[in-house]
Protein backbone atom coordinates (compact mmCIF):
# COMPACT_ATOMS: atom_id res chain seq x y z
CA UNK A 1 0.01 0.09 0.00
CA UNK A 2 0.81 3.60 -0.50
CA UNK A 3 0.19 5.40 2.87
CA UNK A 4 0.26 9.22 3.74
CA UNK A 5 0.65 10.07 7.33
CA UNK A 6 -0.23 13.61 8.41
CA UNK A 7 0.41 15.51 11.48
CA UNK A 8 0.88 19.02 12.44
CA UNK A 9 3.60 19.02 14.87
CA UNK A 10 6.22 16.52 14.40
CA UNK A 11 9.02 18.32 16.39
CA UNK A 12 7.13 18.27 19.74
CA UNK A 13 8.66 16.13 22.35
CA UNK A 14 5.40 14.18 23.09
CA UNK A 15 4.11 10.78 22.68
CA UNK A 16 2.17 11.71 19.56
CA UNK A 17 5.29 12.04 17.17
CA UNK A 18 6.80 8.98 18.78
CA UNK A 19 3.61 6.94 17.80
CA UNK A 20 3.52 8.25 14.37
CA UNK A 21 7.28 7.65 13.64
CA UNK A 22 7.10 4.20 15.20
CA UNK A 23 4.18 3.37 13.00
CA UNK A 24 5.67 4.62 9.94
CA UNK A 25 8.87 2.68 10.41
CA UNK A 26 7.22 -0.63 10.93
CA UNK A 27 4.89 -0.13 7.92
CA UNK A 28 7.93 0.49 5.76
CA UNK A 29 9.53 -2.70 7.04
CA UNK A 30 6.31 -4.38 6.04
CA UNK A 31 6.80 -3.35 2.51
CA UNK A 32 4.43 -0.36 2.38
CA UNK A 33 5.53 2.87 0.87
CA UNK A 34 4.99 5.79 3.61
CA UNK A 35 5.16 9.50 3.11
CA UNK A 36 4.91 11.89 6.22
CA UNK A 37 3.53 15.31 5.69
CA UNK A 38 3.91 17.82 8.58
CA UNK A 39 3.95 21.57 9.02
CA UNK A 40 7.42 21.34 10.96
CA UNK A 41 10.68 19.47 10.67
CA UNK A 42 11.33 16.45 12.68
CA UNK A 43 13.20 17.80 15.85
CA UNK A 44 16.46 16.48 17.03
CA UNK A 45 14.99 14.45 19.74
CA UNK A 46 13.23 12.00 17.23
CA UNK A 47 16.27 12.26 14.71
CA UNK A 48 17.26 8.80 15.20
CA UNK A 49 13.76 7.38 15.04
CA UNK A 50 12.78 9.25 11.89
CA UNK A 51 16.22 8.15 10.09
CA UNK A 52 14.92 6.65 6.64
CA UNK A 53 11.33 8.18 6.75
CA UNK A 54 10.36 10.45 4.11
CA UNK A 55 8.91 13.46 5.65
CA UNK A 56 7.54 16.45 3.63
CA UNK A 57 7.26 19.93 5.30
CA UNK A 58 4.18 21.97 4.28
CA UNK A 59 4.61 25.32 6.07
CA UNK A 60 1.63 27.12 7.43
CA UNK A 61 0.42 29.76 4.79
CA UNK A 62 0.53 32.59 7.49
CA UNK A 63 1.75 31.67 10.83
CA UNK A 64 -0.78 32.45 13.71
CA UNK A 65 1.96 33.98 15.89
CA UNK A 66 1.90 34.21 19.71
CA UNK A 67 -1.34 35.06 21.34
CA UNK A 68 -1.94 38.24 23.18
CA UNK A 69 -2.76 38.06 26.85
CA UNK A 70 -6.26 37.89 28.36
CA UNK A 71 -9.52 36.63 27.44
CA UNK A 72 -9.92 38.56 24.25
CA UNK A 73 -6.45 37.53 23.05
CA UNK A 74 -7.43 34.03 23.72
CA UNK A 75 -10.46 34.39 21.52
CA UNK A 76 -8.62 36.05 18.78
CA UNK A 77 -5.77 33.46 18.88
CA UNK A 78 -8.32 30.59 18.49
CA UNK A 79 -9.91 32.36 15.42
CA UNK A 80 -6.43 32.73 13.88
CA UNK A 81 -5.63 29.10 14.72
CA UNK A 82 -8.89 27.80 13.10
CA UNK A 83 -8.27 29.84 10.07
CA UNK A 84 -4.78 28.93 9.74
CA UNK A 85 -5.48 25.12 10.32
CA UNK A 86 -8.00 25.13 7.53
CA UNK A 87 -5.73 26.90 5.20
CA UNK A 88 -2.86 24.50 5.94
CA UNK A 89 -5.15 21.56 5.52
CA UNK A 90 -5.94 22.59 2.00
CA UNK A 91 -2.33 23.24 1.33
CA UNK A 92 -1.37 19.82 2.41
CA UNK A 93 -4.08 18.09 0.40
CA UNK A 94 -3.11 19.87 -2.60
CA UNK A 95 0.58 19.02 -2.08
CA UNK A 96 0.06 15.34 -1.58
CA UNK A 97 0.62 12.74 -4.29
CA UNK A 98 -2.72 11.80 -5.96
CA UNK A 99 -2.25 8.08 -5.58
CA UNK A 100 -2.33 7.23 -1.78
CA UNK A 101 -4.41 4.10 -0.81
CA UNK A 102 -4.72 5.28 2.75
CA UNK A 103 -4.43 8.75 4.39
CA UNK A 104 -3.75 8.60 8.19
CA UNK A 105 -4.57 11.88 9.78
CA UNK A 106 -3.22 12.28 13.24
CA UNK A 107 -5.01 14.55 15.94
CA UNK A 108 -5.66 18.16 14.72
CA UNK A 109 -4.56 17.42 11.19
CA UNK A 110 -8.12 15.67 10.62
CA UNK A 111 -9.19 18.24 8.12
CA UNK A 112 -6.72 17.24 5.56
CA UNK A 113 -8.58 14.01 4.97
CA UNK A 114 -11.80 15.85 3.66
CA UNK A 115 -9.77 17.97 1.20
CA UNK A 116 -7.73 15.08 -0.05
CA UNK A 117 -10.83 13.02 -0.69
CA UNK A 118 -12.24 15.85 -2.91
CA UNK A 119 -9.23 15.10 -5.06
CA UNK A 120 -9.24 11.05 -4.72
CA UNK A 121 -12.66 9.89 -3.49
CA UNK A 122 -11.61 6.24 -3.40
CA UNK A 123 -8.81 6.88 -0.87
CA UNK A 124 -9.34 5.54 2.66
CA UNK A 125 -9.06 8.21 5.35
CA UNK A 126 -8.31 7.06 9.04
CA UNK A 127 -8.17 9.51 11.84
CA UNK A 128 -5.80 8.64 14.72
CA UNK A 129 -7.08 10.33 17.80
CA UNK A 130 -4.51 9.99 20.62
CA UNK A 131 -6.77 11.53 23.06
CA UNK A 132 -10.28 13.40 23.28
CA UNK A 133 -9.75 16.49 21.21
CA UNK A 134 -13.38 17.92 20.94
CA UNK A 135 -13.80 18.94 24.51
CA UNK A 136 -13.20 21.89 26.50
CA UNK A 137 -11.09 21.60 29.60
CA UNK A 138 -12.04 23.84 32.47
CA UNK A 139 -9.67 26.50 33.62
CA UNK A 140 -11.33 27.65 36.73
CA UNK A 141 -11.91 31.05 34.95
CA UNK A 142 -15.49 32.31 34.68
CA UNK A 143 -15.39 33.78 31.02
CA UNK A 144 -13.18 30.92 29.53
CA UNK A 145 -15.44 28.39 31.05
CA UNK A 146 -18.50 29.96 29.64
CA UNK A 147 -17.22 30.65 26.27
CA UNK A 148 -14.98 27.35 25.68
CA UNK A 149 -17.50 24.83 25.85
CA UNK A 150 -19.58 26.91 23.37
CA UNK A 151 -16.71 26.89 20.94
CA UNK A 152 -16.39 23.15 21.04
CA UNK A 153 -20.13 22.66 20.68
CA UNK A 154 -20.14 24.91 17.51
CA UNK A 155 -17.34 23.03 16.19
CA UNK A 156 -19.47 19.83 16.25
CA UNK A 157 -21.43 21.34 13.34
CA UNK A 158 -18.98 23.47 11.48
CA UNK A 159 -16.39 20.44 11.46
CA UNK A 160 -19.21 17.89 10.58
CA UNK A 161 -17.96 17.80 6.97
CA UNK A 162 -14.29 16.84 8.00
CA UNK A 163 -15.58 14.09 10.10
CA UNK A 164 -18.01 12.73 7.59
CA UNK A 165 -14.97 12.19 5.40
CA UNK A 166 -13.61 9.64 7.72
CA UNK A 167 -13.63 5.91 6.97
CA UNK A 168 -12.43 4.92 10.40
CA UNK A 169 -11.08 6.25 13.58
CA UNK A 170 -8.41 4.57 15.62
CA UNK A 171 -8.10 5.42 19.44
CA UNK A 172 -5.86 4.17 22.09
CA UNK A 173 -8.52 3.65 24.94
CA UNK A 174 -11.93 2.59 25.73
CA UNK A 175 -13.25 5.87 27.01
CA UNK A 176 -12.25 7.76 23.87
CA UNK A 177 -13.87 5.00 21.84
CA UNK A 178 -17.18 5.42 23.82
CA UNK A 179 -17.24 9.07 23.48
CA UNK A 180 -16.57 9.02 19.61
CA UNK A 181 -19.37 6.47 19.41
CA UNK A 182 -21.61 8.70 21.47
CA UNK A 183 -21.11 11.46 19.04
CA UNK A 184 -22.28 9.30 16.21
CA UNK A 185 -18.96 8.08 14.74
CA UNK A 186 -18.87 4.75 13.17
CA UNK A 187 -16.03 2.28 12.81
CA UNK A 188 -14.05 3.25 15.82
CA UNK A 189 -11.52 0.74 16.78
CA UNK A 190 -8.93 0.65 19.75
CA UNK A 191 -5.55 -0.12 18.73
CA UNK A 192 -2.98 -0.01 21.54
CA UNK A 193 0.36 1.97 20.87
CA UNK A 194 3.63 -0.08 20.72
CA UNK A 195 6.90 0.53 22.75
CA UNK A 196 10.46 0.11 21.71
CA UNK A 197 11.13 -2.44 24.50
CA UNK A 198 14.75 -2.85 23.92
CA UNK A 199 15.69 0.71 23.74
CA UNK A 200 14.13 1.61 27.16
CA UNK A 201 14.89 -1.73 28.80
CA UNK A 202 16.85 -2.36 31.99
CA UNK A 203 16.46 -5.01 34.64
CA UNK A 204 14.43 -4.31 37.55
CA UNK A 205 16.85 -2.81 40.07
CA UNK A 206 17.36 -4.28 43.48
CA UNK A 207 15.47 -1.61 45.57
CA UNK A 208 16.10 -3.10 49.11
CA UNK A 209 19.31 -0.94 49.89
CA UNK A 210 17.41 2.28 49.02
CA UNK A 211 14.36 0.99 50.86
CA UNK A 212 16.37 0.37 53.92
CA UNK A 213 17.44 3.88 53.96
CA UNK A 214 14.00 5.16 53.32
CA UNK A 215 14.93 6.66 50.05
CA UNK A 216 13.34 6.88 46.61
CA UNK A 217 13.77 8.71 43.38
CA UNK A 218 10.75 9.73 41.59
CA UNK A 219 10.38 10.68 37.86
CA UNK A 220 7.32 12.44 36.15
CA UNK A 221 7.56 13.46 32.48
CA UNK A 222 5.30 15.31 30.09
CA UNK A 223 4.93 18.48 28.09
CA UNK A 224 3.93 21.41 30.49
CA UNK A 225 0.45 22.44 31.01
CA UNK A 226 -2.00 22.37 34.04
CA UNK A 227 -3.53 19.12 33.42
CA UNK A 228 -0.24 17.17 33.82
CA UNK A 229 -0.75 17.98 37.67
CA UNK A 230 3.11 18.23 38.26
CA UNK A 231 1.97 19.99 41.45
CA UNK A 232 0.57 16.89 42.74
CA UNK A 233 3.99 15.17 42.45
CA UNK A 234 5.65 18.03 44.29
CA UNK A 235 3.08 17.78 47.00
CA UNK A 236 3.63 13.98 47.43
CA UNK A 237 7.32 14.70 47.84
CA UNK A 238 6.64 17.15 50.54
CA UNK A 239 4.18 14.57 52.26
CA UNK A 240 6.88 11.90 52.08
CA UNK A 241 9.65 14.09 53.47
CA UNK A 242 7.33 15.02 56.40
CA UNK A 243 6.83 11.39 57.23
CA UNK A 244 10.50 10.81 57.31
CA UNK A 245 11.36 9.37 53.84
CA UNK A 246 14.27 10.73 51.89
CA UNK A 247 12.39 11.03 48.53
CA UNK A 248 13.49 13.12 45.67
CA UNK A 249 12.10 14.00 42.25
CA UNK A 250 12.98 14.81 38.74
CA UNK A 251 10.15 16.48 36.86
CA UNK A 252 10.74 16.88 33.18
CA UNK A 253 8.12 19.31 31.74
CA UNK A 254 9.24 20.86 28.40
CA UNK A 255 7.49 24.15 28.06
CA UNK A 256 6.38 23.52 24.27
CA UNK A 257 3.11 25.47 24.61
CA UNK A 258 4.63 28.58 26.53
CA UNK A 259 2.73 27.76 29.72
CA UNK A 260 4.82 30.54 31.58
CA UNK A 261 2.35 30.98 34.31
CA UNK A 262 2.11 27.16 35.07
CA UNK A 263 6.05 27.05 34.89
CA UNK A 264 6.11 29.97 37.49
CA UNK A 265 3.64 28.33 39.76
CA UNK A 266 5.41 25.07 39.86
CA UNK A 267 8.80 26.89 40.72
CA UNK A 268 6.95 28.72 43.30
CA UNK A 269 5.68 25.58 44.94
CA UNK A 270 8.81 24.07 45.05
CA UNK A 271 10.22 27.17 46.83
CA UNK A 272 7.25 27.35 49.10
CA UNK A 273 8.05 23.93 50.63
CA UNK A 274 11.96 24.59 50.69
CA UNK A 275 12.18 21.49 48.34
CA UNK A 276 14.71 22.93 45.70
CA UNK A 277 17.25 20.45 46.84
CA UNK A 278 14.89 17.58 46.46
CA UNK A 279 12.91 18.44 43.28
CA UNK A 280 14.59 19.09 40.23
CA UNK A 281 12.54 21.04 37.61
CA UNK A 282 13.49 20.74 33.77
CA UNK A 283 11.60 22.85 31.34
CA UNK A 284 13.99 22.44 28.55
CA UNK A 285 13.40 18.58 27.96
CA UNK A 286 16.09 15.98 27.49
CA UNK A 287 17.64 14.24 24.57
CA UNK A 288 16.71 10.46 23.95
CA UNK A 289 19.89 9.34 25.43
CA UNK A 290 19.39 11.37 28.69
CA UNK A 291 15.80 10.52 28.98
CA UNK A 292 16.71 6.85 29.10
CA UNK A 293 19.49 7.50 31.78
CA UNK A 294 17.00 9.38 33.70
CA UNK A 295 14.67 6.44 33.59
CA UNK A 296 17.18 4.04 34.70
CA UNK A 297 18.43 6.42 37.52
CA UNK A 298 14.86 6.58 38.84
CA UNK A 299 12.86 4.28 41.14
CA UNK A 300 9.22 5.24 40.65
CA UNK A 301 7.44 6.73 37.62
CA UNK A 302 4.29 8.89 38.55
CA UNK A 303 1.75 9.78 36.14
CA UNK A 304 -0.68 12.17 37.67
CA UNK A 305 -2.14 13.70 34.46
CA UNK A 306 -5.81 14.60 34.85
CA UNK A 307 -8.33 16.40 32.73
CA UNK A 308 -11.72 16.49 34.17
CA UNK A 309 -14.91 14.88 32.56
CA UNK A 310 -15.97 14.84 29.77
CA UNK A 311 -12.47 15.04 28.61
CA UNK A 312 -9.59 12.83 29.95
CA UNK A 313 -5.82 12.74 29.61
CA UNK A 314 -5.76 9.75 27.54
CA UNK A 315 -3.38 6.83 27.12
CA UNK A 316 -0.03 7.85 28.09
CA UNK A 317 2.69 6.12 26.20
CA UNK A 318 5.37 7.22 28.78
CA UNK A 319 3.85 4.96 31.32
CA UNK A 320 4.90 1.92 29.20
CA UNK A 321 8.21 3.23 28.38
CA UNK A 322 8.82 3.57 32.29
CA UNK A 323 7.56 -0.10 32.78
CA UNK A 324 10.03 -1.35 29.96
CA UNK A 325 12.73 0.65 31.91
CA UNK A 326 12.11 -1.43 34.88
CA UNK A 327 10.51 1.11 37.13
CA UNK A 328 7.59 0.70 39.37
CA UNK A 329 4.49 2.75 38.17
CA UNK A 330 2.10 4.97 40.17
CA UNK A 331 -0.58 6.09 37.95
CA UNK A 332 -3.89 8.11 38.10
CA UNK A 333 -6.90 5.95 38.10
CA UNK A 334 -8.32 7.96 35.38
CA UNK A 335 -5.59 7.36 32.82
CA UNK A 336 -6.42 5.15 29.83
CA UNK A 337 -3.41 2.99 30.76
CA UNK A 338 -5.55 1.59 33.67
CA UNK A 339 -7.58 -0.31 30.98
CA UNK A 340 -4.93 -2.79 30.57
CA UNK A 341 -2.82 -2.49 33.85
CA UNK A 342 -3.93 -3.99 37.19
CA UNK A 343 -3.82 -2.23 40.33
CA UNK A 344 -1.34 -3.94 42.74
CA UNK A 345 -0.19 -6.34 40.04
CA UNK A 346 1.54 -4.32 37.34
CA UNK A 347 1.24 -0.76 38.73
CA UNK A 348 -0.39 1.09 41.63
CA UNK A 349 -3.37 3.23 40.96
CA UNK A 350 -4.24 6.43 42.76
CA UNK A 351 -7.33 8.82 42.58
CA UNK A 352 -6.97 12.13 40.63
CA UNK A 353 -5.95 15.29 42.36
CA UNK A 354 -4.77 13.31 45.47
CA UNK A 355 -0.96 13.90 46.24
CA UNK A 356 -1.22 12.28 49.46
CA UNK A 357 -2.39 8.99 47.88
CA UNK A 358 0.69 9.19 45.57
CA UNK A 359 2.68 9.50 48.72
CA UNK A 360 1.07 6.56 50.14
CA UNK A 361 1.65 4.42 47.19
CA UNK A 362 5.37 5.40 47.10
CA UNK A 363 5.65 4.75 50.86
CA UNK A 364 4.02 1.24 50.35
CA UNK A 365 6.84 0.53 47.92
CA UNK A 366 9.67 1.83 50.20
CA UNK A 367 8.26 -0.13 53.09
CA UNK A 368 7.85 -3.28 51.06
CA UNK A 369 10.71 -3.78 48.69
CA UNK A 370 9.59 -7.18 47.74
CA UNK A 371 6.37 -5.59 46.39
CA UNK A 372 8.38 -3.16 44.64
CA UNK A 373 10.20 -6.00 42.76
CA UNK A 374 6.98 -8.00 42.14
CA UNK A 375 5.08 -5.02 40.66
CA UNK A 376 7.83 -3.66 38.51
CA UNK A 377 8.59 -6.94 37.05
CA UNK A 378 5.23 -7.84 36.38
CA UNK A 379 4.62 -4.31 34.65
CA UNK A 380 7.79 -5.02 32.61
CA UNK A 381 6.69 -8.45 31.59
CA UNK A 382 3.41 -7.04 30.53
CA UNK A 383 4.90 -4.43 28.20
CA UNK A 384 7.20 -7.19 26.75
CA UNK A 385 4.64 -9.48 25.99
CA UNK A 386 1.82 -7.16 24.92
CA UNK A 387 3.16 -3.96 23.39
CA UNK A 388 5.41 -3.50 20.32
CA UNK A 389 5.55 -1.36 17.32
CA UNK A 390 5.45 -4.44 14.82
CA UNK A 391 2.01 -5.49 16.66
CA UNK A 392 0.65 -1.88 16.63
CA UNK A 393 1.58 -1.54 12.97
CA UNK A 394 0.03 -4.99 12.07
CA UNK A 395 -3.29 -3.95 13.90
CA UNK A 396 -3.25 -0.56 12.08
CA UNK A 397 -2.56 -2.21 8.76
CA UNK A 398 -5.53 -4.55 9.04
CA UNK A 399 -7.69 -1.60 9.94
CA UNK A 400 -6.57 0.18 6.91
CA UNK A 401 -7.46 -2.85 4.81
CA UNK A 402 -10.71 -3.19 6.44
CA UNK A 403 -10.04 -6.44 8.14
């Protein structure tokens, strides 16, 4: 098959580009021709993964530019983004080869499928939705929380023609599937993402010496915004240290969306509790090599991300990379990852927005190092046996073929 994969942001250090590139690589190894279309270049972070993949850059006709501050700046910024996204989708569709069998549009690139089908009606269009995109996440600000839901409600009608062009939607978790079907979408299929197990792998460490000293190194990772709930991780460290545990944390939160207020709030929280020596904040991101080193130097990975209903934070590919790296995982119960993991067996679950529960889970592992060993090894075995890029690409290919 000849397959086009379309994404807006390929340089962002998030799970989406890793998923796309992992899929493209495996499809090519299966003999398919794959061309990636994007509005930006592959960043250095994913340079190794992208090697050998044809990626064509189609730049925005007129970059939206940074948003001005305040409520009205937010509204005008959203309007510019909408207009720019539509122009870009048209430009991409016009630039694409006319003979693709499948066009796989990722996340906010969904409009491209509609415009391409106007050229090639027989081409199959499959939308990869990595997490719910058509919901407003409450900000706790009155005007935003009044207008935001209205904006997404209007988009259900203005974007209907784009969604009607879809032949199928692939998602990562059951909740996203249920939400799509409730909105009238047909042919929605769950296809779980893969993991490069060997790249991240390290044997589960002997945690007993650290546990005897009542110590542990936590790790949290994700693009910076308020729904990542990195503040919950800081609060958990505070609790543990008050209980007499020498716990430290590394939080890598690359500020790709210019969430400067979120950044300042996190820095202030660390200072408030005098945790500057215990909590390391990194807003610049890590290279792939340094990311793997940080995984291997850590003991417990904490995923606290939470977006309130009707949205949710989605799958979290990084959870499974952490398990492959031999860490014990403490994950928020609302994560899509909990659909396949088991509480107390392959991970430890905690309720959203409950930093003391995070602290209790870490305390449990320190107090019971044999449980740490059992849970970390079970989680690692699950990933090795169930998640690979080859399996993911095979299932996606079957979906493309209508099997």
